Amino acid sequence: MKLLFGIRTSGAVSLSVTTQAQLPDPPPSLMIKTAKSTQDTAVSCSNQTWATTLVPGDYVIYMPALGDSWFNGPVSFALGAPVTIVGLSSSQAPEAWTAATGTVDANPEDTKNPLPPPSTNVESALLFDATWLTSTLIQIQMNPSPDRSAPDELFATASTPTGSH
C-alpha cells in the first residue's frame, strides 16, 4: 500500500495526488472509497498526477501499489480547500487534522499514512461519528484488494485517463 488516508469534506473539493518518482508502466490507480457506495472508484494517472473532484462526504483515499506497480519516492496531495484529513495512529485510533496539502513518505516509520500531520501549523480537527472512516481505513490496511467500479454521480467530475503517465 503506497497511500492510505481519509478525507471529510463539507463542500466540493478538487484532489490531486502527484509524484516526481519514476512510475511503472502502467502506473497504479488511485482508489477512492466513499460511504455512499459499496464499490471503489479508480482514478488513472496522467503526467505523474491523479486528479478528481470530490462532492461533500467522507472518503478513504488509497493506492494499492503492489508487486510491479510499486514505485519509490514521496507522494504529495493537494486539495482545493482545507478539509479534515484522517489517518490511523499506531494503535489504530483515528487522528484528524485540517489541511489542504500533505506528503506521504515523510514518516519513514509508515510510508502509506500522512502522519504525523504535514506541518506544525496544521489545525487539529475534532472528528465526530468517525466509525465508517476508521473501520474502512483498518479494512483497507488489512486487505488492499480494490473493487474498481462506482457510479460517476458520486464525483463532481469523472476522471478519465489522458495519458499513460
Protein backbone atom coordinates (compact mmCIF):
# COMPACT_ATOMS: atom_id res chain seq x y z
CA MET A 1 0.00 0.00 0.00
CA LYS A 2 1.58 3.26 -1.13
CA LEU A 3 -1.04 5.66 0.24
CA LEU A 4 -3.91 5.46 2.75
CA PHE A 5 -5.83 8.29 4.43
CA GLY A 6 -9.35 9.58 4.91
CA ILE A 7 -10.99 12.87 3.92
CA ARG A 8 -14.11 14.51 5.32
CA THR A 9 -15.35 17.47 3.29
CA SER A 10 -18.43 19.63 3.66
CA GLY A 11 -18.12 21.11 0.16
CA ALA A 12 -16.98 20.05 -3.30
CA VAL A 13 -13.19 19.94 -3.39
CA SER A 14 -10.57 19.08 -6.00
CA LEU A 15 -7.98 16.44 -5.10
CA SER A 16 -4.69 15.93 -6.88
CA VAL A 17 -2.01 13.42 -5.93
CA THR A 18 1.41 13.83 -7.53
CA THR A 19 4.83 12.25 -7.51
CA GLN A 20 8.15 13.06 -9.08
CA ALA A 21 9.17 9.41 -8.85
CA GLN A 22 9.72 7.11 -11.80
CA LEU A 23 6.40 5.31 -12.27
CA PRO A 24 5.93 1.77 -13.56
CA ASP A 25 4.07 1.19 -16.82
CA PRO A 26 1.17 1.18 -16.25
CA PRO A 27 1.16 3.29 -13.07
CA PRO A 28 -1.08 2.22 -10.20
CA SER A 29 -4.56 3.70 -9.90
CA LEU A 30 -5.56 5.96 -7.05
CA MET A 31 -8.56 4.32 -5.40
CA ILE A 32 -11.41 6.22 -3.75
CA LYS A 33 -13.93 4.63 -1.43
CA THR A 34 -16.99 6.51 -0.17
CA ALA A 35 -19.68 5.70 2.38
CA LYS A 36 -22.24 6.40 -0.39
CA SER A 37 -21.22 3.34 -2.44
CA THR A 38 -20.14 -0.24 -1.88
CA GLN A 39 -17.77 -0.03 -4.86
CA ASP A 40 -14.49 1.86 -5.20
CA THR A 41 -13.57 4.25 -7.99
CA ALA A 42 -10.21 4.09 -9.77
CA VAL A 43 -8.56 7.37 -10.80
CA SER A 44 -5.99 6.96 -13.57
CA CYS A 45 -2.64 8.71 -13.66
CA SER A 46 -1.75 11.37 -16.22
CA ASN A 47 1.68 13.04 -16.23
CA GLN A 48 2.52 11.74 -12.73
CA THR A 49 -0.75 13.15 -11.33
CA TRP A 50 -4.02 11.56 -10.27
CA ALA A 51 -6.84 14.14 -10.14
CA THR A 52 -10.56 14.22 -9.39
CA THR A 53 -13.21 16.33 -7.68
CA LEU A 54 -15.00 15.08 -4.58
CA VAL A 55 -18.51 16.11 -3.58
CA PRO A 56 -19.31 16.62 0.12
CA GLY A 57 -18.86 13.46 2.18
CA ASP A 58 -16.42 11.02 3.77
CA TYR A 59 -13.79 9.30 1.63
CA VAL A 60 -10.89 6.91 2.01
CA ILE A 61 -8.10 7.54 -0.49
CA TYR A 62 -5.65 4.73 -1.13
CA MET A 63 -3.15 3.44 -3.66
CA PRO A 64 -2.57 -0.32 -3.70
CA ALA A 65 0.80 -0.28 -5.44
CA LEU A 66 1.57 -3.96 -5.13
CA GLY A 67 4.18 -6.01 -6.97
CA ASP A 68 5.13 -4.48 -10.34
CA SER A 69 3.05 -1.34 -9.69
CA TRP A 70 5.19 -0.29 -6.67
CA PHE A 71 7.37 2.81 -7.01
CA ASN A 72 9.85 4.53 -4.70
CA GLY A 73 9.62 8.15 -3.69
CA PRO A 74 7.23 10.50 -1.94
CA VAL A 75 3.66 11.23 -2.98
CA SER A 76 2.11 14.65 -2.32
CA PHE A 77 -1.55 15.55 -2.27
CA ALA A 78 -3.28 18.90 -2.62
CA LEU A 79 -6.92 19.81 -2.15
CA GLY A 80 -8.76 22.86 -3.48
CA ALA A 81 -9.71 23.87 0.09
CA PRO A 82 -8.84 22.74 3.62
CA VAL A 83 -10.63 19.53 4.63
CA THR A 84 -10.41 17.14 7.55
CA ILE A 85 -7.62 14.62 6.91
CA VAL A 86 -7.96 11.34 8.83
CA GLY A 87 -5.27 8.76 9.49
CA LEU A 88 -4.70 5.94 11.94
CA SER A 89 -2.26 6.12 14.83
CA SER A 90 -0.02 3.16 15.62
CA SER A 91 -2.78 1.94 17.98
CA GLN A 92 -5.37 2.11 15.11
CA ALA A 93 -7.11 5.12 16.71
CA PRO A 94 -8.27 7.85 14.29
CA GLU A 95 -6.23 11.05 14.20
CA ALA A 96 -7.62 14.07 12.37
CA TRP A 97 -6.39 17.49 11.33
CA THR A 98 -7.44 20.24 8.95
CA ALA A 99 -5.19 20.78 5.93
CA ALA A 100 -5.15 21.28 2.17
CA THR A 101 -1.79 19.60 1.46
CA GLY A 102 0.32 16.70 2.67
CA THR A 103 3.18 14.39 1.77
CA VAL A 104 3.39 10.65 2.18
CA ASP A 105 6.85 9.10 2.78
CA ALA A 106 7.68 11.98 5.14
CA ASN A 107 7.42 9.49 8.01
CA PRO A 108 9.92 6.65 7.44
CA GLU A 109 8.09 4.53 10.05
CA ASP A 110 4.92 4.27 7.92
CA THR A 111 5.18 5.28 4.28
CA LYS A 112 1.47 5.00 3.44
CA ASN A 113 -0.02 7.37 6.03
CA PRO A 114 0.41 11.15 6.01
CA LEU A 115 1.23 11.09 9.74
CA PRO A 116 2.22 12.98 11.70
CA PRO A 117 0.25 15.88 10.25
CA PRO A 118 2.11 17.51 7.33
CA SER A 119 3.27 20.57 9.28
CA THR A 120 3.18 22.04 12.76
CA ASN A 121 0.93 24.86 11.51
CA VAL A 122 -1.94 22.48 10.83
CA GLU A 123 -5.09 22.91 12.89
CA SER A 124 -6.21 19.79 14.76
CA ALA A 125 -9.73 18.73 13.86
CA LEU A 126 -12.41 17.19 16.00
CA LEU A 127 -13.77 14.08 14.35
CA PHE A 128 -17.39 13.26 15.13
CA ASP A 129 -19.01 10.00 14.02
CA ALA A 130 -15.82 8.53 12.55
CA THR A 131 -16.98 4.91 12.64
CA TRP A 132 -17.14 4.44 8.84
CA LEU A 133 -13.82 6.24 8.24
CA THR A 134 -11.98 4.32 10.97
CA SER A 135 -13.35 0.89 10.09
CA THR A 136 -12.73 1.46 6.35
CA LEU A 137 -9.13 2.60 6.92
CA ILE A 138 -8.49 -0.51 9.02
CA GLN A 139 -10.22 -2.78 6.48
CA ILE A 140 -8.16 -1.46 3.56
CA GLN A 141 -4.97 -1.62 5.58
CA MET A 142 -5.66 -5.32 6.23
CA ASN A 143 -6.99 -6.19 2.74
CA PRO A 144 -5.97 -3.75 -0.03
CA SER A 145 -7.73 -5.58 -2.89
CA PRO A 146 -9.89 -2.96 -4.66
CA ASP A 147 -13.33 -3.26 -6.23
CA ARG A 148 -12.73 -0.89 -9.11
CA SER A 149 -16.07 0.49 -10.26
CA ALA A 150 -18.55 3.01 -8.87
CA PRO A 151 -21.21 5.26 -10.31
CA ASP A 152 -19.81 8.52 -11.69
CA GLU A 153 -22.50 10.56 -9.91
CA LEU A 154 -20.55 10.10 -6.67
CA PHE A 155 -17.99 12.54 -8.05
CA ALA A 156 -18.44 16.07 -9.33
CA THR A 157 -16.41 15.21 -12.43
CA ALA A 158 -15.46 11.82 -13.72
CA SER A 159 -11.75 11.25 -14.11
CA THR A 160 -10.58 9.90 -17.43
CA PRO A 161 -7.08 8.91 -18.40
CA THR A 162 -5.44 11.38 -20.76
CA GLY A 163 -2.02 9.79 -20.98
CA SER A 164 -0.04 6.83 -19.80
CA HIS A 165 1.84 8.84 -17.12
